[in-house]
Amino acid sequence: MSDALSRFRLDGRTVLVTGASSGLGTHFAHLLASAGARVAVAARRADKLQALVDSIAAAGGEARALSLDVTHSASVRNCFDELASWGAPDVVVNNAGITVTRPLLEQTEEDFDSVIETNLKGCWLVATEAARRMVAAGRGGSIVNIASILGERVAGGVAPYAISKAGVVQTTKVMALELARYGIRVNALLPGYVVTDLNRDFLTSDAGDKLRSRIPSRRFGELTDLDGPLLLLASDAGAAMSGSTVAVDGAHLVSSL
């Protein structure tokens, strides 16, 4: 392996992936384990993660499941305390997120609070606690916040989600500024529309075809499209990157209005 390619490896690194029970989080956990990391996967119910842990182990990787509710600071601290037997994390992938889809005038205060609490407050709680553990351990690290192209553009019916992801983008930038002195890099990955088991039916429907026609590349993303960008931000290959927002969207963000 060339020196350039070896910089994408994560051998000996400890990684925490939040929101790991499905979709992007499950895929990210497999990817990072395949790059050599030992991966702690976290979600509200740790028992839902056992199949993922077993799958990673079957592929020759090392993984463990942790209970984590990103909306509660005590749960976040407890998660990192459990992880401490592996040491402070080298990489945190801040992936936990939810959405509520309905028109703006039908959204409720409860809708808004639940999305903001999980997507924005949860991102902040996990990232700041991770940074404290990294600083206490006397070494740097990488925090990758999973935002969205809706953090920079908007769409109808997902107002709280778009607002929360815009906050995640700005959270990434302010954290990058303040944590650089400690050798901690903070970047954001902004996926476009990526096909998962949760949205496959919609994206392959007539409505999905209309959406796809507005993407300059005329294609939805696949989970594997995120592999290179995530490894870049997580590994030494991206050592000079902090405060960056990396869109993976087939040019959707730069499409004409």
Protein backbone atom coordinates (compact mmCIF):
# COMPACT_ATOMS: atom_id res chain seq x y z
CA MET A 1 0.00 0.00 0.00
CA SER A 2 1.35 3.45 -0.89
CA ASP A 3 2.01 6.01 1.82
CA ALA A 4 -0.86 8.12 0.48
CA LEU A 5 -3.36 5.27 0.71
CA SER A 6 -2.12 4.19 4.14
CA ARG A 7 -3.11 7.58 5.51
CA PHE A 8 -6.77 6.58 5.05
CA ARG A 9 -6.30 3.63 7.41
CA LEU A 10 -7.54 3.74 11.02
CA ASP A 11 -5.56 0.85 12.50
CA GLY A 12 -5.40 1.05 16.28
CA ARG A 13 -7.89 3.92 16.44
CA THR A 14 -10.98 3.95 18.64
CA VAL A 15 -14.11 5.22 16.91
CA LEU A 16 -17.58 6.02 18.25
CA VAL A 17 -20.53 6.08 15.83
CA THR A 18 -23.82 7.45 17.14
CA GLY A 19 -27.20 6.61 15.63
CA ALA A 20 -25.70 3.30 14.55
CA SER A 21 -28.81 1.12 14.62
CA SER A 22 -29.78 1.71 10.97
CA GLY A 23 -29.03 3.44 7.69
CA LEU A 24 -25.94 5.62 7.51
CA GLY A 25 -24.78 4.75 11.01
CA THR A 26 -24.73 1.00 10.35
CA HIS A 27 -22.90 1.52 7.08
CA PHE A 28 -20.36 3.87 8.65
CA ALA A 29 -19.63 1.37 11.43
CA HIS A 30 -18.85 -1.38 8.91
CA LEU A 31 -16.70 0.96 6.84
CA LEU A 32 -14.63 2.21 9.76
CA ALA A 33 -14.10 -1.29 11.09
CA SER A 34 -12.92 -2.41 7.64
CA ALA A 35 -10.38 0.45 7.75
CA GLY A 36 -8.88 -1.06 10.91
CA ALA A 37 -10.65 0.83 13.70
CA ARG A 38 -12.22 -0.74 16.72
CA VAL A 39 -15.72 0.63 16.63
CA ALA A 40 -18.14 1.45 19.44
CA VAL A 41 -21.66 1.67 18.04
CA ALA A 42 -24.25 3.60 20.01
CA ALA A 43 -28.01 4.04 20.00
CA ARG A 44 -30.82 4.43 22.51
CA ARG A 45 -31.22 0.65 22.78
CA ALA A 46 -27.91 -1.19 22.81
CA ASP A 47 -29.68 -4.53 22.29
CA LYS A 48 -30.72 -3.40 18.80
CA LEU A 49 -27.03 -3.17 17.90
CA GLN A 50 -26.00 -6.74 18.64
CA ALA A 51 -26.51 -7.94 15.07
CA LEU A 52 -24.24 -5.12 13.86
CA VAL A 53 -21.57 -6.00 16.41
CA ASP A 54 -21.76 -9.67 15.41
CA SER A 55 -21.53 -8.78 11.72
CA ILE A 56 -18.42 -6.66 12.24
CA ALA A 57 -16.83 -9.43 14.31
CA ALA A 58 -17.64 -12.01 11.63
CA ALA A 59 -15.78 -9.85 9.13
CA GLY A 60 -12.71 -9.80 11.38
CA GLY A 61 -13.32 -6.46 13.06
CA GLU A 62 -13.76 -5.41 16.67
CA ALA A 63 -16.93 -3.72 17.88
CA ARG A 64 -19.03 -3.16 20.96
CA ALA A 65 -22.50 -1.76 21.60
CA LEU A 66 -23.21 1.16 23.92
CA SER A 67 -26.46 2.70 25.10
CA LEU A 68 -26.78 6.39 24.24
CA ASP A 69 -29.57 8.96 24.21
CA VAL A 70 -27.90 12.00 22.66
CA THR A 71 -30.55 14.36 24.06
CA HIS A 72 -29.51 13.75 27.68
CA SER A 73 -26.14 14.88 28.99
CA ALA A 74 -26.03 12.16 31.66
CA SER A 75 -26.50 9.47 29.00
CA VAL A 76 -23.75 11.04 26.88
CA ARG A 77 -21.33 11.08 29.83
CA ASN A 78 -22.22 7.48 30.74
CA CYS A 79 -21.57 6.38 27.17
CA PHE A 80 -18.09 7.89 27.18
CA ASP A 81 -17.44 6.43 30.63
CA GLU A 82 -18.24 2.98 29.24
CA LEU A 83 -16.03 3.63 26.25
CA ALA A 84 -13.16 4.59 28.58
CA SER A 85 -12.06 0.95 28.89
CA TRP A 86 -10.88 1.40 25.29
CA GLY A 87 -9.50 4.84 26.11
CA ALA A 88 -10.53 8.24 24.78
CA PRO A 89 -12.00 8.17 21.28
CA ASP A 90 -9.77 9.05 18.36
CA VAL A 91 -12.74 9.60 16.04
CA VAL A 92 -16.39 10.40 16.70
CA VAL A 93 -18.99 10.19 13.94
CA ASN A 94 -21.93 12.28 15.16
CA ASN A 95 -24.68 10.64 13.13
CA ALA A 96 -27.81 10.44 15.34
CA GLY A 97 -30.71 12.28 13.78
CA ILE A 98 -34.46 12.29 13.16
CA THR A 99 -36.96 14.22 11.10
CA VAL A 100 -40.68 15.01 11.09
CA THR A 101 -42.19 15.49 7.64
CA ARG A 102 -45.26 17.70 7.31
CA PRO A 103 -46.03 21.23 6.09
CA LEU A 104 -44.70 24.13 8.13
CA LEU A 105 -48.13 25.27 9.32
CA GLU A 106 -48.92 21.76 10.55
CA GLN A 107 -45.67 21.34 12.47
CA THR A 108 -46.10 21.41 16.24
CA GLU A 109 -43.90 22.68 19.02
CA GLU A 110 -43.31 19.05 19.97
CA ASP A 111 -42.14 18.31 16.41
CA PHE A 112 -39.71 21.20 16.52
CA ASP A 113 -38.37 20.36 19.97
CA SER A 114 -37.82 16.67 19.23
CA VAL A 115 -35.88 17.33 16.02
CA ILE A 116 -33.78 20.16 17.46
CA GLU A 117 -33.06 18.21 20.65
CA THR A 118 -31.77 15.19 18.74
CA ASN A 119 -30.11 16.72 15.70
CA LEU A 120 -28.61 19.91 17.09
CA LYS A 121 -28.42 19.68 20.88
CA GLY A 122 -27.45 16.01 20.60
CA CYS A 123 -24.66 16.83 18.16
CA TRP A 124 -23.37 19.54 20.51
CA LEU A 125 -23.53 17.33 23.61
CA VAL A 126 -21.68 14.43 21.99
CA ALA A 127 -19.04 16.58 20.29
CA THR A 128 -18.23 18.66 23.37
CA GLU A 129 -17.99 15.59 25.62
CA ALA A 130 -15.80 13.85 23.05
CA ALA A 131 -13.54 16.89 22.93
CA ARG A 132 -13.24 16.98 26.71
CA ARG A 133 -12.15 13.33 26.73
CA MET A 134 -9.65 13.92 23.91
CA VAL A 135 -8.15 16.94 25.68
CA ALA A 136 -7.92 15.07 28.99
CA ALA A 137 -6.10 12.24 27.21
CA GLY A 138 -3.58 14.73 25.88
CA ARG A 139 -4.06 13.94 22.22
CA GLY A 140 -6.04 15.23 19.30
CA GLY A 141 -8.75 13.55 17.32
CA SER A 142 -11.38 13.94 14.64
CA ILE A 143 -15.07 14.73 15.05
CA VAL A 144 -17.26 14.27 11.98
CA ASN A 145 -20.73 15.77 12.26
CA ILE A 146 -23.27 14.35 9.82
CA ALA A 147 -25.24 17.32 8.53
CA SER A 148 -27.14 17.47 5.23
CA ILE A 149 -27.38 19.54 2.09
CA LEU A 150 -30.54 20.86 3.76
CA GLY A 151 -28.20 22.66 6.15
CA GLU A 152 -27.34 24.96 3.24
CA ARG A 153 -30.48 24.83 1.08
CA VAL A 154 -34.14 24.23 1.90
CA ALA A 155 -37.01 21.96 0.93
CA GLY A 156 -40.67 21.96 1.84
CA GLY A 157 -42.13 19.91 4.66
CA VAL A 158 -38.95 19.49 6.73
CA ALA A 159 -38.50 22.89 8.37
CA PRO A 160 -37.21 21.68 11.79
CA TYR A 161 -34.79 19.28 10.09
CA ALA A 162 -33.36 21.96 7.78
CA ILE A 163 -33.06 24.39 10.70
CA SER A 164 -31.29 21.77 12.82
CA LYS A 165 -28.82 20.83 10.08
CA ALA A 166 -27.98 24.48 9.43
CA GLY A 167 -27.16 24.62 13.13
CA VAL A 168 -24.95 21.54 12.80
CA VAL A 169 -22.99 23.25 10.02
CA GLN A 170 -22.37 26.31 12.20
CA THR A 171 -21.65 24.13 15.24
CA THR A 172 -18.95 22.40 13.20
CA LYS A 173 -17.29 25.70 12.33
CA VAL A 174 -17.27 27.18 15.84
CA MET A 175 -15.95 23.93 17.30
CA ALA A 176 -13.22 23.74 14.66
CA LEU A 177 -12.12 27.24 15.64
CA GLU A 178 -11.94 26.61 19.38
CA LEU A 179 -10.60 23.06 19.32
CA ALA A 180 -7.82 23.48 16.76
CA ARG A 181 -5.34 24.41 19.51
CA TYR A 182 -5.84 20.95 21.00
CA GLY A 183 -5.24 19.13 17.73
CA ILE A 184 -8.93 18.25 17.39
CA ARG A 185 -10.38 18.53 13.91
CA VAL A 186 -14.11 19.09 13.42
CA ASN A 187 -15.70 18.72 9.99
CA ALA A 188 -19.17 18.13 8.59
CA LEU A 189 -20.31 15.66 5.96
CA LEU A 190 -23.35 16.86 3.99
CA PRO A 191 -25.05 13.96 2.20
CA GLY A 192 -27.60 14.64 -0.47
CA TYR A 193 -30.40 12.18 -1.14
CA VAL A 194 -28.90 8.77 -0.41
CA VAL A 195 -30.82 5.55 -0.97
CA THR A 196 -31.37 3.55 2.23
CA ASP A 197 -33.89 0.93 3.30
CA LEU A 198 -35.93 3.69 4.98
CA ASN A 199 -36.42 5.85 1.88
CA ARG A 200 -36.02 3.39 -1.00
CA ASP A 201 -39.77 3.13 -1.71
CA PHE A 202 -40.15 6.91 -1.98
CA LEU A 203 -37.01 7.47 -4.05
CA THR A 204 -38.09 4.82 -6.55
CA SER A 205 -41.64 6.23 -6.84
CA ASP A 206 -42.93 8.74 -9.38
CA ALA A 207 -42.39 11.52 -6.82
CA GLY A 208 -38.82 10.30 -6.35
CA ASP A 209 -38.25 10.41 -10.11
CA LYS A 210 -39.34 14.06 -10.16
CA LEU A 211 -36.87 14.82 -7.37
CA ARG A 212 -34.07 12.98 -9.18
CA SER A 213 -34.70 15.02 -12.33
CA ARG A 214 -33.72 18.17 -10.41
CA ILE A 215 -30.29 16.78 -9.46
CA PRO A 216 -27.65 17.73 -12.05
CA SER A 217 -26.13 14.23 -11.99
CA ARG A 218 -29.63 12.73 -12.41
CA ARG A 219 -28.89 10.12 -9.77
CA PHE A 220 -29.44 9.56 -6.07
CA GLY A 221 -26.47 8.72 -3.94
CA GLU A 222 -25.59 5.25 -2.71
CA LEU A 223 -24.20 4.57 0.75
CA THR A 224 -20.83 3.69 -0.76
CA ASP A 225 -20.59 7.20 -2.24
CA LEU A 226 -19.99 8.42 1.31
CA ASP A 227 -17.09 6.04 2.01
CA GLY A 228 -14.22 8.08 0.61
CA PRO A 229 -15.38 11.41 2.04
CA LEU A 230 -15.94 9.93 5.52
CA LEU A 231 -12.56 8.22 5.59
CA LEU A 232 -10.92 11.45 4.43
CA LEU A 233 -12.41 13.40 7.33
CA ALA A 234 -11.84 10.67 9.92
CA SER A 235 -8.27 9.71 9.05
CA ASP A 236 -4.84 11.30 8.76
CA ALA A 237 -5.54 11.80 5.06
CA GLY A 238 -7.53 14.87 6.12
CA ALA A 239 -5.04 16.07 8.74
CA ALA A 240 -5.15 19.67 7.48
CA MET A 241 -8.94 19.80 7.23
CA SER A 242 -11.01 21.40 9.98
CA GLY A 243 -14.12 23.51 9.75
CA SER A 244 -14.83 22.02 6.34
CA THR A 245 -18.26 21.11 5.01
CA VAL A 246 -18.06 18.32 2.45
CA ALA A 247 -21.15 17.89 0.28
CA VAL A 248 -21.75 14.50 -1.36
CA ASP A 249 -24.77 15.22 -3.51
CA GLY A 250 -24.18 14.89 -7.24
CA ALA A 251 -23.98 18.70 -7.59
CA HIS A 252 -27.43 19.16 -6.06
CA LEU A 253 -26.32 22.11 -3.92
CA VAL A 254 -25.01 24.03 -6.91
CA SER A 255 -28.03 23.40 -9.12
CA SER A 256 -29.82 26.36 -10.66
CA LEU A 257 -32.64 28.03 -8.78
